[in-house]
Amino acid sequence: MKKNKTSRAWVHDHLNDPYVQRAQAEGYRARAAYKLLEVDERDHLLKPGAVVVDLGSTPGSWCQVAVKRCGPKGQVFALDVLPMEAVAGVDFLQGDFTEDAVLEDLESRLKGARADVVLSDMAPNLSGVAAVDQARSIHLCELALDFAVRHLKPGGQFLVKVFQGEGFMEYRKQMEAAFASVQVRKPKASRDRSAEVYLLGKGPRPV
C-alpha cells in the first residue's frame, strides 16, 4: 500500500512538474534537457562546430540540446546501455560503457577526433541497496572521467552527474587532479530532494 501511495505521489509530481510540461511543449524528450541548457547558458559548453560525446544519452534530450547548439558542422556521439530513438545528427551506439569492446567501438567512431565536450548523465540500474548503488554510480563516473581525460582537446570540458554520498569527495579530488578547474553545478531543473549534482571540469591537465 505504501509503495502504491509513493508511486501515485511521484506520478502526480511528475505530471505537474513545470519542466516536464515545458519539455512536452518544446519537443524535448525529458526534463533533463533544462539541466544541460542551464549549465550551457552559464558555462558555454556547446559551441557551433563542437565535437560532443554524450555518455548515458537515453532518451536523448541532451543529444537534442547538443545538436541544436553545435549546429550542422558539429558532431555528436552518444552511448547508452538502453536503446534510444534516433536523433538527427547523432551517431548513437547502444552498449555497456563498462565493457572494453563497447568502449573501443565508441573510440573508433571518433576516428581520432578529440572532443570539445564530454557529457555524462550515466546512472546505474538501481538495486535498492544504497551503498551498492552509490558505489556503482561512482564507478561509472570514474570510467567517464578516464574517457574524458583521454579524449578531450586541450581546453575541453567535462560535465558529469555525481550523487553526493560515499566516495563523492574522493571523486571530486580525482577531478581536481585531472582538470585545471572543477566547479559544482546544481541546475534548477535538478530536484531539490535529489542528491545529484554536476561537476564541471575545465581544461584537462596533460596526462
Protein backbone atom coordinates (compact mmCIF):
# COMPACT_ATOMS: atom_id res chain seq x y z
CA MET A 1 0.00 0.00 0.00
CA LYS A 2 2.80 2.40 0.93
CA LYS A 3 4.59 1.72 -2.36
CA ASN A 4 1.40 2.44 -4.32
CA LYS A 5 0.98 5.74 -2.47
CA THR A 6 4.58 6.63 -3.24
CA SER A 7 4.10 5.74 -6.90
CA ARG A 8 0.94 7.82 -7.14
CA ALA A 9 2.68 10.78 -5.49
CA TRP A 10 5.56 10.50 -7.96
CA VAL A 11 3.18 10.40 -10.93
CA HIS A 12 1.29 13.42 -9.57
CA ASP A 13 4.51 15.39 -9.03
CA HIS A 14 5.85 14.36 -12.42
CA LEU A 15 2.74 15.38 -14.34
CA ASN A 16 2.61 18.71 -12.52
CA ASP A 17 6.34 19.38 -12.86
CA PRO A 18 6.80 22.63 -14.83
CA TYR A 19 9.92 21.25 -16.50
CA VAL A 20 8.05 18.15 -17.67
CA GLN A 21 5.29 20.34 -19.08
CA ARG A 22 7.83 22.63 -20.72
CA ALA A 23 9.72 19.68 -22.25
CA GLN A 24 6.49 18.37 -23.76
CA ALA A 25 5.62 21.80 -25.14
CA GLU A 26 9.08 22.45 -26.58
CA GLY A 27 9.68 18.99 -28.02
CA TYR A 28 12.36 17.72 -25.65
CA ARG A 29 12.27 14.04 -24.70
CA ALA A 30 12.93 14.63 -20.99
CA ARG A 31 13.06 17.41 -18.42
CA ALA A 32 16.81 16.76 -18.13
CA ALA A 33 17.26 18.95 -21.21
CA TYR A 34 16.86 22.01 -18.99
CA LYS A 35 19.70 20.91 -16.72
CA LEU A 36 22.11 20.97 -19.64
CA LEU A 37 20.60 24.16 -21.09
CA GLU A 38 21.08 25.98 -17.78
CA VAL A 39 24.70 24.86 -17.41
CA ASP A 40 25.38 25.74 -21.03
CA GLU A 41 23.93 29.24 -20.63
CA ARG A 42 26.34 29.81 -17.75
CA ASP A 43 29.44 27.98 -18.93
CA HIS A 44 29.17 27.98 -22.73
CA LEU A 45 30.00 24.32 -23.27
CA LEU A 46 28.25 23.77 -26.59
CA LYS A 47 29.58 25.91 -29.42
CA PRO A 48 28.95 25.76 -33.17
CA GLY A 49 31.10 23.06 -34.76
CA ALA A 50 31.95 21.35 -31.47
CA VAL A 51 32.63 17.63 -31.11
CA VAL A 52 30.48 16.29 -28.26
CA VAL A 53 30.31 12.86 -26.62
CA ASP A 54 27.16 12.14 -24.58
CA LEU A 55 27.51 9.17 -22.21
CA GLY A 56 24.24 7.82 -20.79
CA SER A 57 22.26 9.56 -23.51
CA THR A 58 18.87 7.79 -23.47
CA PRO A 59 16.15 9.05 -24.01
CA GLY A 60 18.09 11.70 -25.93
CA SER A 61 17.21 15.12 -24.55
CA TRP A 62 20.86 16.10 -24.06
CA CYS A 63 21.56 14.99 -27.64
CA GLN A 64 18.73 17.24 -28.82
CA VAL A 65 20.28 20.19 -27.00
CA ALA A 66 23.78 19.41 -28.27
CA VAL A 67 22.67 19.11 -31.91
CA LYS A 68 20.82 22.43 -31.75
CA ARG A 69 23.65 24.29 -30.05
CA CYS A 70 26.53 22.82 -32.10
CA GLY A 71 24.80 23.15 -35.46
CA PRO A 72 25.33 21.30 -38.75
CA LYS A 73 29.13 21.48 -38.51
CA GLY A 74 29.15 19.92 -35.04
CA GLN A 75 29.48 16.20 -34.32
CA VAL A 76 27.53 14.46 -31.57
CA PHE A 77 28.36 10.91 -30.48
CA ALA A 78 26.14 9.19 -27.93
CA LEU A 79 26.18 5.95 -25.96
CA ASP A 80 23.74 4.20 -23.65
CA VAL A 81 23.08 0.66 -22.47
CA LEU A 82 19.41 1.25 -23.33
CA PRO A 83 18.04 1.81 -26.84
CA MET A 84 17.49 5.38 -27.97
CA GLU A 85 15.17 6.60 -30.70
CA ALA A 86 17.28 8.22 -33.40
CA VAL A 87 18.10 11.91 -33.10
CA ALA A 88 19.03 13.53 -36.42
CA GLY A 89 22.73 14.37 -36.45
CA VAL A 90 23.68 11.96 -33.65
CA ASP A 91 25.87 8.87 -34.03
CA PHE A 92 24.38 6.58 -31.38
CA LEU A 93 25.91 3.38 -30.03
CA GLN A 94 23.92 1.05 -27.80
CA GLY A 95 26.14 -0.80 -25.40
CA ASP A 96 27.51 -1.14 -21.88
CA PHE A 97 30.17 1.52 -21.24
CA THR A 98 31.89 -0.79 -18.73
CA GLU A 99 32.72 -3.28 -21.49
CA ASP A 100 36.03 -2.86 -23.33
CA ALA A 101 34.58 -3.83 -26.72
CA VAL A 102 31.88 -1.15 -26.46
CA LEU A 103 34.43 1.48 -25.43
CA GLU A 104 36.64 0.51 -28.37
CA ASP A 105 33.65 0.80 -30.73
CA LEU A 106 32.90 4.30 -29.45
CA GLU A 107 36.55 5.32 -29.79
CA SER A 108 36.68 4.01 -33.35
CA ARG A 109 33.68 6.18 -34.29
CA LEU A 110 35.59 9.27 -33.23
CA LYS A 111 38.18 8.43 -35.92
CA GLY A 112 40.92 10.10 -33.94
CA ALA A 113 38.95 13.31 -33.37
CA ARG A 114 39.31 14.95 -29.99
CA ALA A 115 36.16 16.05 -28.18
CA ASP A 116 35.44 19.61 -27.16
CA VAL A 117 32.93 18.39 -24.59
CA VAL A 118 32.26 15.09 -22.83
CA LEU A 119 28.90 14.84 -21.06
CA SER A 120 28.00 12.07 -18.64
CA ASP A 121 24.49 11.68 -17.26
CA MET A 122 25.06 7.97 -16.56
CA ALA A 123 23.47 6.26 -13.59
CA PRO A 124 23.45 2.55 -12.70
CA ASN A 125 20.41 0.31 -12.67
CA LEU A 126 19.25 0.67 -9.09
CA SER A 127 19.42 -2.38 -6.82
CA GLY A 128 17.66 -0.65 -3.94
CA VAL A 129 20.73 -1.10 -1.75
CA ALA A 130 22.00 2.45 -1.28
CA ALA A 131 25.66 1.58 -0.64
CA VAL A 132 25.79 -0.70 -3.69
CA ASP A 133 24.06 1.83 -5.95
CA GLN A 134 26.37 4.65 -4.82
CA ALA A 135 29.46 2.52 -5.44
CA ARG A 136 28.23 1.62 -8.95
CA SER A 137 27.46 5.25 -9.67
CA ILE A 138 30.93 6.42 -8.61
CA HIS A 139 32.48 3.65 -10.72
CA LEU A 140 30.64 4.92 -13.82
CA CYS A 141 31.81 8.46 -13.02
CA GLU A 142 35.41 7.22 -12.78
CA LEU A 143 35.14 5.49 -16.16
CA ALA A 144 33.67 8.65 -17.70
CA LEU A 145 36.49 10.73 -16.21
CA ASP A 146 39.10 8.38 -17.64
CA PHE A 147 37.44 8.62 -21.07
CA ALA A 148 37.25 12.42 -20.88
CA VAL A 149 40.89 12.84 -19.90
CA ARG A 150 42.00 10.65 -22.79
CA HIS A 151 39.73 12.13 -25.47
CA LEU A 152 39.24 15.83 -24.71
CA LYS A 153 41.06 18.56 -26.59
CA PRO A 154 43.27 20.92 -24.59
CA GLY A 155 40.80 23.39 -23.07
CA GLY A 156 37.95 20.87 -23.35
CA GLN A 157 35.20 20.49 -20.78
CA PHE A 158 33.71 17.54 -18.89
CA LEU A 159 30.27 17.67 -17.25
CA VAL A 160 29.36 14.67 -15.09
CA LYS A 161 26.41 13.79 -12.87
CA VAL A 162 27.54 12.66 -9.42
CA PHE A 163 25.43 11.65 -6.45
CA GLN A 164 26.59 13.08 -3.15
CA GLY A 165 27.42 10.37 -0.63
CA GLU A 166 30.16 7.79 -0.06
CA GLY A 167 33.04 8.39 -2.46
CA PHE A 168 31.87 11.81 -3.66
CA MET A 169 34.70 13.85 -2.15
CA GLU A 170 37.31 11.34 -3.29
CA TYR A 171 35.91 11.54 -6.82
CA ARG A 172 35.95 15.32 -6.73
CA LYS A 173 39.64 15.18 -5.78
CA GLN A 174 40.27 12.92 -8.79
CA MET A 175 38.59 15.53 -10.99
CA GLU A 176 40.65 18.32 -9.43
CA ALA A 177 43.81 16.37 -10.18
CA ALA A 178 42.72 15.88 -13.79
CA PHE A 179 41.45 19.40 -14.64
CA ALA A 180 42.70 22.95 -14.24
CA SER A 181 39.39 23.91 -12.59
CA VAL A 182 36.42 21.98 -11.18
CA GLN A 183 33.12 23.60 -10.27
CA VAL A 184 29.86 22.29 -8.82
CA ARG A 185 26.61 22.96 -10.66
CA LYS A 186 23.11 22.27 -9.31
CA PRO A 187 20.69 23.30 -12.07
CA LYS A 188 17.22 24.49 -11.09
CA ALA A 189 15.74 21.55 -13.01
CA SER A 190 17.57 19.17 -10.67
CA ARG A 191 15.07 18.40 -7.93
CA ASP A 192 15.97 19.80 -4.51
CA ARG A 193 15.48 16.45 -2.81
CA SER A 194 17.82 14.71 -5.24
CA ALA A 195 21.41 14.05 -4.13
CA GLU A 196 22.61 14.66 -7.67
CA VAL A 197 24.95 17.47 -8.57
CA TYR A 198 27.04 18.07 -11.65
CA LEU A 199 30.78 18.55 -11.60
CA LEU A 200 32.24 20.60 -14.41
CA GLY A 201 35.89 20.10 -15.23
CA LYS A 202 37.59 22.65 -17.49
CA GLY A 203 40.98 22.29 -19.10
CA PRO A 204 42.25 18.71 -18.80
CA ARG A 205 45.77 18.54 -17.45
CA PRO A 206 48.33 16.77 -19.70
CA VAL A 207 48.37 13.05 -18.95
